[in-house]
C-alpha atoms as a PDB file:
ATOM      1  CA  UNK A   1    -143.670 189.804 130.215  1.00  0.00           C
ATOM      2  CA  UNK A   2    -146.809 188.308 128.663  1.00  0.00           C
ATOM      3  CA  UNK A   3    -148.241 184.947 129.717  1.00  0.00           C
ATOM      4  CA  UNK A   4    -151.054 183.122 127.906  1.00  0.00           C
ATOM      5  CA  UNK A   5    -152.270 179.947 129.613  1.00  0.00           C
ATOM      6  CA  UNK A   6    -155.066 177.423 129.068  1.00  0.00           C
ATOM      7  CA  UNK A   7    -156.856 176.043 132.125  1.00  0.00           C
ATOM      8  CA  UNK A   8    -156.422 172.393 133.049  1.00  0.00           C
ATOM      9  CA  UNK A   9    -159.844 171.733 134.582  1.00  0.00           C
ATOM     10  CA  UNK A  10    -161.951 174.297 132.710  1.00  0.00           C
ATOM     11  CA  UNK A  11    -161.682 175.633 129.138  1.00  0.00           C
ATOM     12  CA  UNK A  12    -160.408 179.094 130.056  1.00  0.00           C
ATOM     13  CA  UNK A  13    -157.648 181.214 128.580  1.00  0.00           C
ATOM     14  CA  UNK A  14    -155.771 183.432 131.017  1.00  0.00           C
ATOM     15  CA  UNK A  15    -153.736 186.401 129.840  1.00  0.00           C
ATOM     16  CA  UNK A  16    -151.291 188.120 132.200  1.00  0.00           C
ATOM     17  CA  UNK A  17    -149.266 191.149 131.195  1.00  0.00           C
ATOM     18  CA  UNK A  18    -146.542 192.614 133.419  1.00  0.00           C
ATOM     19  CA  UNK A  19    -145.245 195.984 132.237  1.00  0.00           C
ATOM     20  CA  UNK A  20    -142.986 197.968 134.529  1.00  0.00           C
ATOM     21  CA  UNK A  21    -145.047 198.347 137.736  1.00  0.00           C
ATOM     22  CA  UNK A  22    -148.370 197.554 136.013  1.00  0.00           C
ATOM     23  CA  UNK A  23    -150.088 194.171 136.016  1.00  0.00           C
ATOM     24  CA  UNK A  24    -153.028 193.258 133.795  1.00  0.00           C
ATOM     25  CA  UNK A  25    -155.024 190.035 134.118  1.00  0.00           C
ATOM     26  CA  UNK A  26    -157.886 188.776 131.995  1.00  0.00           C
ATOM     27  CA  UNK A  27    -159.646 185.426 131.891  1.00  0.00           C
ATOM     28  CA  UNK A  28    -161.640 184.263 128.857  1.00  0.00           C
ATOM     29  CA  UNK A  29    -164.231 181.497 129.325  1.00  0.00           C
ATOM     30  CA  UNK A  30    -164.561 179.193 126.301  1.00  0.00           C
ATOM     31  CA  UNK A  31    -167.138 176.548 125.401  1.00  0.00           C
ATOM     32  CA  UNK A  32    -164.564 173.767 125.105  1.00  0.00           C
ATOM     33  CA  UNK A  33    -160.831 173.089 125.108  1.00  0.00           C
ATOM     34  CA  UNK A  34    -160.530 173.148 121.299  1.00  0.00           C
ATOM     35  CA  UNK A  35    -161.874 176.700 121.212  1.00  0.00           C
ATOM     36  CA  UNK A  36    -159.630 177.645 124.150  1.00  0.00           C
ATOM     37  CA  UNK A  37    -156.602 176.385 122.188  1.00  0.00           C
ATOM     38  CA  UNK A  38    -157.652 178.412 119.136  1.00  0.00           C
ATOM     39  CA  UNK A  39    -158.176 181.559 121.242  1.00  0.00           C
ATOM     40  CA  UNK A  40    -154.771 181.157 122.911  1.00  0.00           C
ATOM     41  CA  UNK A  41    -153.030 180.631 119.563  1.00  0.00           C
ATOM     42  CA  UNK A  42    -154.789 183.639 118.001  1.00  0.00           C
ATOM     43  CA  UNK A  43    -153.780 185.832 120.950  1.00  0.00           C
ATOM     44  CA  UNK A  44    -150.187 184.592 120.818  1.00  0.00           C
ATOM     45  CA  UNK A  45    -149.916 185.257 117.089  1.00  0.00           C
ATOM     46  CA  UNK A  46    -151.557 188.688 117.331  1.00  0.00           C
ATOM     47  CA  UNK A  47    -149.318 189.778 120.197  1.00  0.00           C
ATOM     48  CA  UNK A  48    -146.211 188.454 118.416  1.00  0.00           C
ATOM     49  CA  UNK A  49    -147.181 190.373 115.264  1.00  0.00           C
ATOM     50  CA  UNK A  50    -147.508 193.609 117.274  1.00  0.00           C
ATOM     51  CA  UNK A  51    -144.142 193.064 118.980  1.00  0.00           C
ATOM     52  CA  UNK A  52    -142.482 192.421 115.610  1.00  0.00           C
ATOM     53  CA  UNK A  53    -143.839 195.727 114.280  1.00  0.00           C
ATOM     54  CA  UNK A  54    -141.722 197.600 116.836  1.00  0.00           C
ATOM     55  CA  UNK A  55    -138.490 195.612 116.445  1.00  0.00           C
END
């Protein structure tokens, strides 16, 4: 499972990946919420493209 979230109080993008017993977490600080939205959308599209390659 992959979760991409944008912070409510601060312009941060959080990425969580759960794979079998492994858990990865990364937080990206952005200058503002517009950039955070763009980062989240770029990550979502890039991850979706990779998943589609293996379908």
